Amino acid sequence: MPHMKTMVAEYAIILNEKNEFLMVKLKNHSWHFPGGRLNECETSITALKREVKEETNLEITNINPIFTRCFDEGENHKYGVFFSARVKEPYTVKISDEHNDFAWFNKNQLSEIHFWQPFYKELLERYFKQLSQ
């Protein structure tokens, strides 16, 4: 049986001082977490910081892995590692050409967001539940 070829990508759930989380809007009008694929020989945290900086101009701190998931992205399989992070103050969000908007959302808005992957809502619900415990 052949092995599945999978890309590895890392994404950040970035919280600000109000515990709002940052999402970036893809060109297909769905919301996505900042992040992306690792470069060859790049460590997880280095890759995540690089991708977040490239996509949002933000520096992040307090980085912790919280969730993993294998999912399909079109014809490709992707293994996603999701991290919690805090934005380093002061900050100014500047999105890359890969996106056409960004927004800070709070946990009460989860049902209103058109996520790129449907499991993002469940991931955030679990994450905010853990934060409140």
N, C-alpha and C. Protein backbone atom coordinates (compact mmCIF):
# COMPACT_ATOMS: atom_id res chain seq x y z
N MET A 1 0.85 -1.18 0.00
CA MET A 1 0.00 0.00 0.00
C MET A 1 0.90 1.25 0.00
N PRO A 2 0.68 2.18 -0.92
CA PRO A 2 1.52 3.38 -0.99
C PRO A 2 1.24 4.32 0.18
N HIS A 3 2.27 5.04 0.58
CA HIS A 3 2.12 6.03 1.65
C HIS A 3 1.48 7.29 1.10
N MET A 4 0.67 7.93 1.92
CA MET A 4 0.04 9.18 1.55
C MET A 4 1.08 10.30 1.57
N LYS A 5 1.12 11.11 0.54
CA LYS A 5 2.00 12.26 0.52
C LYS A 5 1.26 13.42 1.17
N THR A 6 1.91 14.02 2.14
CA THR A 6 1.26 15.06 2.93
C THR A 6 2.19 16.25 3.10
N MET A 7 1.63 17.45 2.95
CA MET A 7 2.36 18.68 3.25
C MET A 7 2.15 18.99 4.73
N VAL A 8 3.15 19.57 5.36
CA VAL A 8 3.03 20.00 6.75
C VAL A 8 2.91 21.52 6.76
N ALA A 9 1.90 22.00 7.49
CA ALA A 9 1.70 23.44 7.61
C ALA A 9 1.39 23.77 9.06
N GLU A 10 1.69 24.98 9.43
CA GLU A 10 1.45 25.43 10.80
C GLU A 10 0.66 26.72 10.78
N TYR A 11 -0.27 26.83 11.73
CA TYR A 11 -1.17 27.98 11.79
C TYR A 11 -1.22 28.51 13.21
N ALA A 12 -1.45 29.81 13.34
CA ALA A 12 -1.48 30.45 14.65
C ALA A 12 -2.86 31.00 14.96
N ILE A 13 -3.34 30.66 16.13
CA ILE A 13 -4.51 31.32 16.70
C ILE A 13 -3.93 32.44 17.57
N ILE A 14 -3.93 33.62 17.01
CA ILE A 14 -3.28 34.77 17.65
C ILE A 14 -4.32 35.56 18.42
N LEU A 15 -4.08 35.73 19.71
CA LEU A 15 -4.98 36.52 20.54
C LEU A 15 -4.36 37.88 20.83
N ASN A 16 -5.24 38.89 20.88
CA ASN A 16 -4.79 40.23 21.29
C ASN A 16 -5.14 40.43 22.77
N GLU A 17 -4.96 41.64 23.24
CA GLU A 17 -5.19 41.93 24.66
C GLU A 17 -6.65 41.77 25.09
N LYS A 18 -7.59 41.76 24.14
CA LYS A 18 -9.02 41.58 24.44
C LYS A 18 -9.46 40.13 24.27
N ASN A 19 -8.51 39.22 24.05
CA ASN A 19 -8.77 37.80 23.76
C ASN A 19 -9.58 37.62 22.47
N GLU A 20 -9.40 38.56 21.53
CA GLU A 20 -9.95 38.40 20.19
C GLU A 20 -8.89 37.66 19.37
N PHE A 21 -9.36 36.86 18.41
CA PHE A 21 -8.43 36.10 17.57
C PHE A 21 -8.41 36.68 16.16
N LEU A 22 -7.25 36.60 15.54
CA LEU A 22 -7.04 37.18 14.22
C LEU A 22 -7.30 36.15 13.13
N MET A 23 -8.05 36.55 12.11
CA MET A 23 -8.26 35.75 10.92
C MET A 23 -7.90 36.60 9.70
N VAL A 24 -7.39 35.94 8.67
CA VAL A 24 -7.11 36.60 7.41
C VAL A 24 -8.04 36.03 6.36
N LYS A 25 -8.49 36.88 5.46
CA LYS A 25 -9.45 36.45 4.43
C LYS A 25 -8.71 36.06 3.16
N LEU A 26 -9.00 34.84 2.71
CA LEU A 26 -8.43 34.36 1.46
C LEU A 26 -9.16 34.98 0.28
N LYS A 27 -8.57 34.88 -0.88
CA LYS A 27 -9.19 35.46 -2.08
C LYS A 27 -10.53 34.80 -2.43
N ASN A 28 -10.77 33.57 -1.89
CA ASN A 28 -12.07 32.92 -2.12
C ASN A 28 -13.11 33.36 -1.09
N HIS A 29 -12.79 34.37 -0.30
CA HIS A 29 -13.68 34.99 0.68
C HIS A 29 -13.95 34.15 1.92
N SER A 30 -13.11 33.16 2.20
CA SER A 30 -13.24 32.43 3.45
C SER A 30 -12.12 32.85 4.41
N TRP A 31 -12.37 32.65 5.69
CA TRP A 31 -11.44 33.08 6.72
C TRP A 31 -10.49 31.95 7.11
N HIS A 32 -9.24 32.31 7.33
CA HIS A 32 -8.17 31.36 7.57
C HIS A 32 -7.26 31.90 8.69
N PHE A 33 -6.58 31.01 9.38
CA PHE A 33 -5.58 31.42 10.36
C PHE A 33 -4.29 31.77 9.64
N PRO A 34 -3.56 32.77 10.13
CA PRO A 34 -2.24 33.04 9.54
C PRO A 34 -1.32 31.83 9.73
N GLY A 35 -0.50 31.58 8.74
CA GLY A 35 0.44 30.47 8.81
C GLY A 35 0.73 29.92 7.44
N GLY A 36 1.39 28.78 7.40
CA GLY A 36 1.71 28.17 6.12
C GLY A 36 2.69 27.04 6.27
N ARG A 37 3.27 26.63 5.15
CA ARG A 37 4.15 25.46 5.11
C ARG A 37 5.55 25.77 5.63
N LEU A 38 6.16 24.73 6.12
CA LEU A 38 7.55 24.80 6.57
C LEU A 38 8.47 24.76 5.36
N ASN A 39 9.56 25.48 5.43
CA ASN A 39 10.62 25.35 4.45
C ASN A 39 11.51 24.18 4.86
N GLU A 40 12.27 23.68 3.92
CA GLU A 40 13.18 22.58 4.22
C GLU A 40 14.14 22.95 5.34
N CYS A 41 14.30 22.05 6.30
CA CYS A 41 15.21 22.21 7.44
C CYS A 41 14.83 23.36 8.38
N GLU A 42 13.59 23.80 8.35
CA GLU A 42 13.13 24.89 9.21
C GLU A 42 12.43 24.29 10.43
N THR A 43 12.67 24.85 11.61
CA THR A 43 12.01 24.35 12.80
C THR A 43 10.57 24.88 12.86
N SER A 44 9.74 24.21 13.63
CA SER A 44 8.32 24.57 13.73
C SER A 44 8.10 26.02 14.13
N ILE A 45 8.69 26.42 15.24
CA ILE A 45 8.45 27.76 15.75
C ILE A 45 9.03 28.82 14.81
N THR A 46 10.20 28.56 14.26
CA THR A 46 10.80 29.49 13.30
C THR A 46 9.89 29.65 12.09
N ALA A 47 9.36 28.56 11.58
CA ALA A 47 8.47 28.61 10.42
C ALA A 47 7.19 29.37 10.73
N LEU A 48 6.61 29.10 11.88
CA LEU A 48 5.37 29.79 12.26
C LEU A 48 5.60 31.29 12.39
N LYS A 49 6.66 31.68 13.08
CA LYS A 49 6.95 33.11 13.23
C LYS A 49 7.17 33.77 11.87
N ARG A 50 7.89 33.09 10.98
CA ARG A 50 8.16 33.63 9.65
C ARG A 50 6.87 33.82 8.86
N GLU A 51 6.04 32.77 8.85
CA GLU A 51 4.78 32.84 8.09
C GLU A 51 3.86 33.93 8.63
N VAL A 52 3.74 34.02 9.95
CA VAL A 52 2.88 35.05 10.55
C VAL A 52 3.41 36.44 10.20
N LYS A 53 4.71 36.62 10.28
CA LYS A 53 5.31 37.92 9.95
C LYS A 53 5.07 38.26 8.48
N GLU A 54 5.26 37.28 7.57
CA GLU A 54 5.04 37.51 6.14
C GLU A 54 3.59 37.86 5.83
N GLU A 55 2.66 37.19 6.51
CA GLU A 55 1.25 37.35 6.17
C GLU A 55 0.55 38.49 6.90
N THR A 56 1.08 38.90 8.07
CA THR A 56 0.36 39.88 8.88
C THR A 56 1.23 41.02 9.40
N ASN A 57 2.53 40.91 9.27
CA ASN A 57 3.49 41.86 9.82
C ASN A 57 3.56 41.80 11.35
N LEU A 58 3.02 40.75 11.96
CA LEU A 58 2.99 40.65 13.41
C LEU A 58 4.13 39.79 13.94
N GLU A 59 4.60 40.15 15.12
CA GLU A 59 5.51 39.29 15.87
C GLU A 59 4.67 38.63 16.95
N ILE A 60 4.89 37.32 17.15
CA ILE A 60 4.09 36.59 18.12
C ILE A 60 4.96 36.03 19.24
N THR A 61 4.33 35.84 20.41
CA THR A 61 4.99 35.30 21.58
C THR A 61 4.09 34.24 22.21
N ASN A 62 4.56 33.64 23.30
CA ASN A 62 3.76 32.64 24.05
C ASN A 62 3.19 31.57 23.12
N ILE A 63 4.03 30.99 22.31
CA ILE A 63 3.61 30.04 21.27
C ILE A 63 3.54 28.63 21.86
N ASN A 64 2.37 28.00 21.71
CA ASN A 64 2.17 26.64 22.23
C ASN A 64 1.35 25.81 21.26
N PRO A 65 1.77 24.57 20.98
CA PRO A 65 0.96 23.71 20.11
C PRO A 65 -0.32 23.29 20.85
N ILE A 66 -1.46 23.31 20.13
CA ILE A 66 -2.72 22.97 20.80
C ILE A 66 -3.56 21.95 20.04
N PHE A 67 -3.29 21.72 18.74
CA PHE A 67 -4.20 20.90 17.95
C PHE A 67 -3.48 20.45 16.68
N THR A 68 -3.75 19.23 16.24
CA THR A 68 -3.25 18.77 14.94
C THR A 68 -4.40 18.16 14.17
N ARG A 69 -4.29 18.20 12.86
CA ARG A 69 -5.36 17.66 12.02
C ARG A 69 -4.83 17.40 10.63
N CYS A 70 -5.17 16.25 10.07
CA CYS A 70 -4.89 15.94 8.68
C CYS A 70 -6.17 16.25 7.89
N PHE A 71 -6.05 17.00 6.81
CA PHE A 71 -7.23 17.36 6.02
C PHE A 71 -6.85 17.53 4.56
N ASP A 72 -7.85 17.58 3.71
CA ASP A 72 -7.62 17.73 2.28
C ASP A 72 -7.69 19.20 1.90
N GLU A 73 -6.80 19.57 1.01
CA GLU A 73 -6.78 20.91 0.42
C GLU A 73 -6.78 20.69 -1.09
N GLY A 74 -7.97 20.56 -1.65
CA GLY A 74 -8.06 20.23 -3.07
C GLY A 74 -7.56 18.82 -3.28
N GLU A 75 -6.58 18.64 -4.14
CA GLU A 75 -6.00 17.33 -4.44
C GLU A 75 -4.94 16.90 -3.43
N ASN A 76 -4.53 17.83 -2.58
CA ASN A 76 -3.42 17.57 -1.65
C ASN A 76 -3.92 17.23 -0.25
N HIS A 77 -3.13 16.44 0.44
CA HIS A 77 -3.36 16.19 1.85
C HIS A 77 -2.46 17.13 2.63
N LYS A 78 -3.00 17.68 3.69
CA LYS A 78 -2.22 18.60 4.51
C LYS A 78 -2.32 18.17 5.96
N TYR A 79 -1.19 18.20 6.63
CA TYR A 79 -1.14 17.94 8.06
C TYR A 79 -0.94 19.29 8.71
N GLY A 80 -1.93 19.75 9.44
CA GLY A 80 -1.87 21.07 10.06
C GLY A 80 -1.58 20.97 11.54
N VAL A 81 -0.65 21.78 11.99
CA VAL A 81 -0.36 21.93 13.41
C VAL A 81 -0.79 23.34 13.79
N PHE A 82 -1.65 23.42 14.78
CA PHE A 82 -2.22 24.70 15.19
C PHE A 82 -1.63 25.10 16.54
N PHE A 83 -1.22 26.35 16.64
CA PHE A 83 -0.58 26.89 17.83
C PHE A 83 -1.39 28.05 18.38
N SER A 84 -1.38 28.19 19.69
CA SER A 84 -1.89 29.41 20.29
C SER A 84 -0.71 30.38 20.38
N ALA A 85 -1.01 31.66 20.30
CA ALA A 85 0.03 32.69 20.38
C ALA A 85 -0.59 34.00 20.81
N ARG A 86 0.25 34.86 21.29
CA ARG A 86 -0.15 36.23 21.63
C ARG A 86 0.58 37.18 20.70
N VAL A 87 -0.07 38.27 20.36
CA VAL A 87 0.58 39.29 19.54
C VAL A 87 1.49 40.11 20.44
N LYS A 88 2.64 40.46 19.91
CA LYS A 88 3.58 41.28 20.65
C LYS A 88 3.16 42.74 20.49
N GLU A 89 2.97 43.42 21.60
CA GLU A 89 2.53 44.82 21.61
C GLU A 89 3.73 45.75 21.43
N PRO A 90 3.57 46.92 20.88
CA PRO A 90 2.45 47.37 20.06
C PRO A 90 2.48 46.69 18.70
N TYR A 91 1.36 46.68 18.01
CA TYR A 91 1.32 45.97 16.73
C TYR A 91 0.47 46.71 15.71
N THR A 92 0.78 46.47 14.46
CA THR A 92 0.00 46.96 13.33
C THR A 92 -0.11 45.82 12.34
N VAL A 93 -1.32 45.41 12.02
CA VAL A 93 -1.53 44.34 11.06
C VAL A 93 -1.42 44.91 9.65
N LYS A 94 -0.58 44.26 8.83
CA LYS A 94 -0.46 44.57 7.41
C LYS A 94 -0.49 43.24 6.69
N ILE A 95 -1.55 42.98 5.92
CA ILE A 95 -1.67 41.67 5.29
C ILE A 95 -0.87 41.59 3.99
N SER A 96 -0.53 40.36 3.64
CA SER A 96 0.23 40.11 2.41
C SER A 96 -0.70 40.08 1.21
N ASP A 97 -0.10 39.92 0.04
CA ASP A 97 -0.88 39.84 -1.20
C ASP A 97 -1.70 38.55 -1.29
N GLU A 98 -1.41 37.57 -0.43
CA GLU A 98 -2.16 36.32 -0.43
C GLU A 98 -3.59 36.50 0.09
N HIS A 99 -3.83 37.60 0.79
CA HIS A 99 -5.11 37.82 1.44
C HIS A 99 -5.70 39.15 1.01
N ASN A 100 -7.01 39.29 1.22
CA ASN A 100 -7.62 40.56 0.86
C ASN A 100 -8.29 41.28 2.02
N ASP A 101 -8.17 40.72 3.25
CA ASP A 101 -8.73 41.39 4.41
C ASP A 101 -8.25 40.67 5.67
N PHE A 102 -8.47 41.29 6.79
CA PHE A 102 -8.21 40.66 8.09
C PHE A 102 -9.24 41.20 9.07
N ALA A 103 -9.44 40.46 10.15
CA ALA A 103 -10.37 40.92 11.20
C ALA A 103 -10.03 40.22 12.50
N TRP A 104 -10.31 40.93 13.59
CA TRP A 104 -10.23 40.36 14.92
C TRP A 104 -11.64 39.96 15.32
N PHE A 105 -11.83 38.73 15.72
CA PHE A 105 -13.14 38.21 16.12
C PHE A 105 -13.11 37.80 17.59
N ASN A 106 -14.30 37.79 18.22
CA ASN A 106 -14.36 37.24 19.56
C ASN A 106 -15.10 35.90 19.52
N LYS A 107 -15.05 35.17 20.61
CA LYS A 107 -15.60 33.81 20.62
C LYS A 107 -17.11 33.78 20.41
N ASN A 108 -17.80 34.89 20.63
CA ASN A 108 -19.25 34.93 20.42
C ASN A 108 -19.63 35.07 18.94
N GLN A 109 -18.66 35.27 18.09
CA GLN A 109 -18.92 35.45 16.65
C GLN A 109 -18.65 34.18 15.83
N LEU A 110 -18.32 33.07 16.46
CA LEU A 110 -17.92 31.87 15.72
C LEU A 110 -18.93 31.41 14.68
N SER A 111 -20.22 31.51 14.99
CA SER A 111 -21.25 31.04 14.05
C SER A 111 -21.40 31.95 12.84
N GLU A 112 -20.88 33.17 12.92
CA GLU A 112 -21.01 34.14 11.83
C GLU A 112 -19.89 34.06 10.81
N ILE A 113 -18.84 33.31 11.11
CA ILE A 113 -17.63 33.31 10.28
C ILE A 113 -17.67 32.19 9.24
N HIS A 114 -17.38 32.54 8.00
CA HIS A 114 -17.28 31.55 6.92
C HIS A 114 -15.82 31.06 6.88
N PHE A 115 -15.55 29.98 7.62
CA PHE A 115 -14.20 29.46 7.75
C PHE A 115 -13.78 28.70 6.49
N TRP A 116 -12.48 28.74 6.21
CA TRP A 116 -11.91 27.99 5.09
C TRP A 116 -12.09 26.49 5.30
N GLN A 117 -11.92 26.02 6.53
CA GLN A 117 -12.16 24.62 6.88
C GLN A 117 -13.24 24.58 7.96
N PRO A 118 -14.27 23.76 7.77
CA PRO A 118 -15.35 23.71 8.76
C PRO A 118 -14.91 23.35 10.18
N PHE A 119 -13.84 22.56 10.32
CA PHE A 119 -13.41 22.16 11.66
C PHE A 119 -12.79 23.32 12.44
N TYR A 120 -12.51 24.46 11.82
CA TYR A 120 -11.97 25.62 12.53
C TYR A 120 -12.90 26.07 13.67
N LYS A 121 -14.20 26.01 13.43
CA LYS A 121 -15.15 26.43 14.46
C LYS A 121 -15.02 25.54 15.69
N GLU A 122 -14.99 24.23 15.49
CA GLU A 122 -14.85 23.29 16.60
C GLU A 122 -13.51 23.49 17.32
N LEU A 123 -12.46 23.70 16.57
CA LEU A 123 -11.14 23.94 17.15
C LEU A 123 -11.19 25.15 18.08
N LEU A 124 -11.79 26.25 17.61
CA LEU A 124 -11.86 27.46 18.41
C LEU A 124 -12.76 27.29 19.62
N GLU A 125 -13.87 26.58 19.47
CA GLU A 125 -14.74 26.32 20.62
C GLU A 125 -13.99 25.57 21.71
N ARG A 126 -13.25 24.54 21.31
CA ARG A 126 -12.45 23.77 22.28
C ARG A 126 -11.37 24.62 22.91
N TYR A 127 -10.73 25.43 22.11
CA TYR A 127 -9.65 26.30 22.60
C TYR A 127 -10.18 27.29 23.63
N PHE A 128 -11.27 27.96 23.33
CA PHE A 128 -11.82 28.95 24.27
C PHE A 128 -12.38 28.28 25.53
N LYS A 129 -12.88 27.07 25.39
CA LYS A 129 -13.33 26.33 26.57
C LYS A 129 -12.14 26.04 27.49
N GLN A 130 -11.02 25.64 26.91
CA GLN A 130 -9.80 25.37 27.70
C GLN A 130 -9.30 26.65 28.37
N LEU A 131 -9.38 27.77 27.67
CA LEU A 131 -8.93 29.04 28.25
C LEU A 131 -9.75 29.44 29.47
N SER A 132 -11.03 29.12 29.45
CA SER A 132 -11.90 29.54 30.55
C SER A 132 -11.82 28.61 31.76
N GLN A 133 -11.13 27.48 31.64
CA GLN A 133 -11.05 26.55 32.76
C GLN A 133 -9.92 26.90 33.70
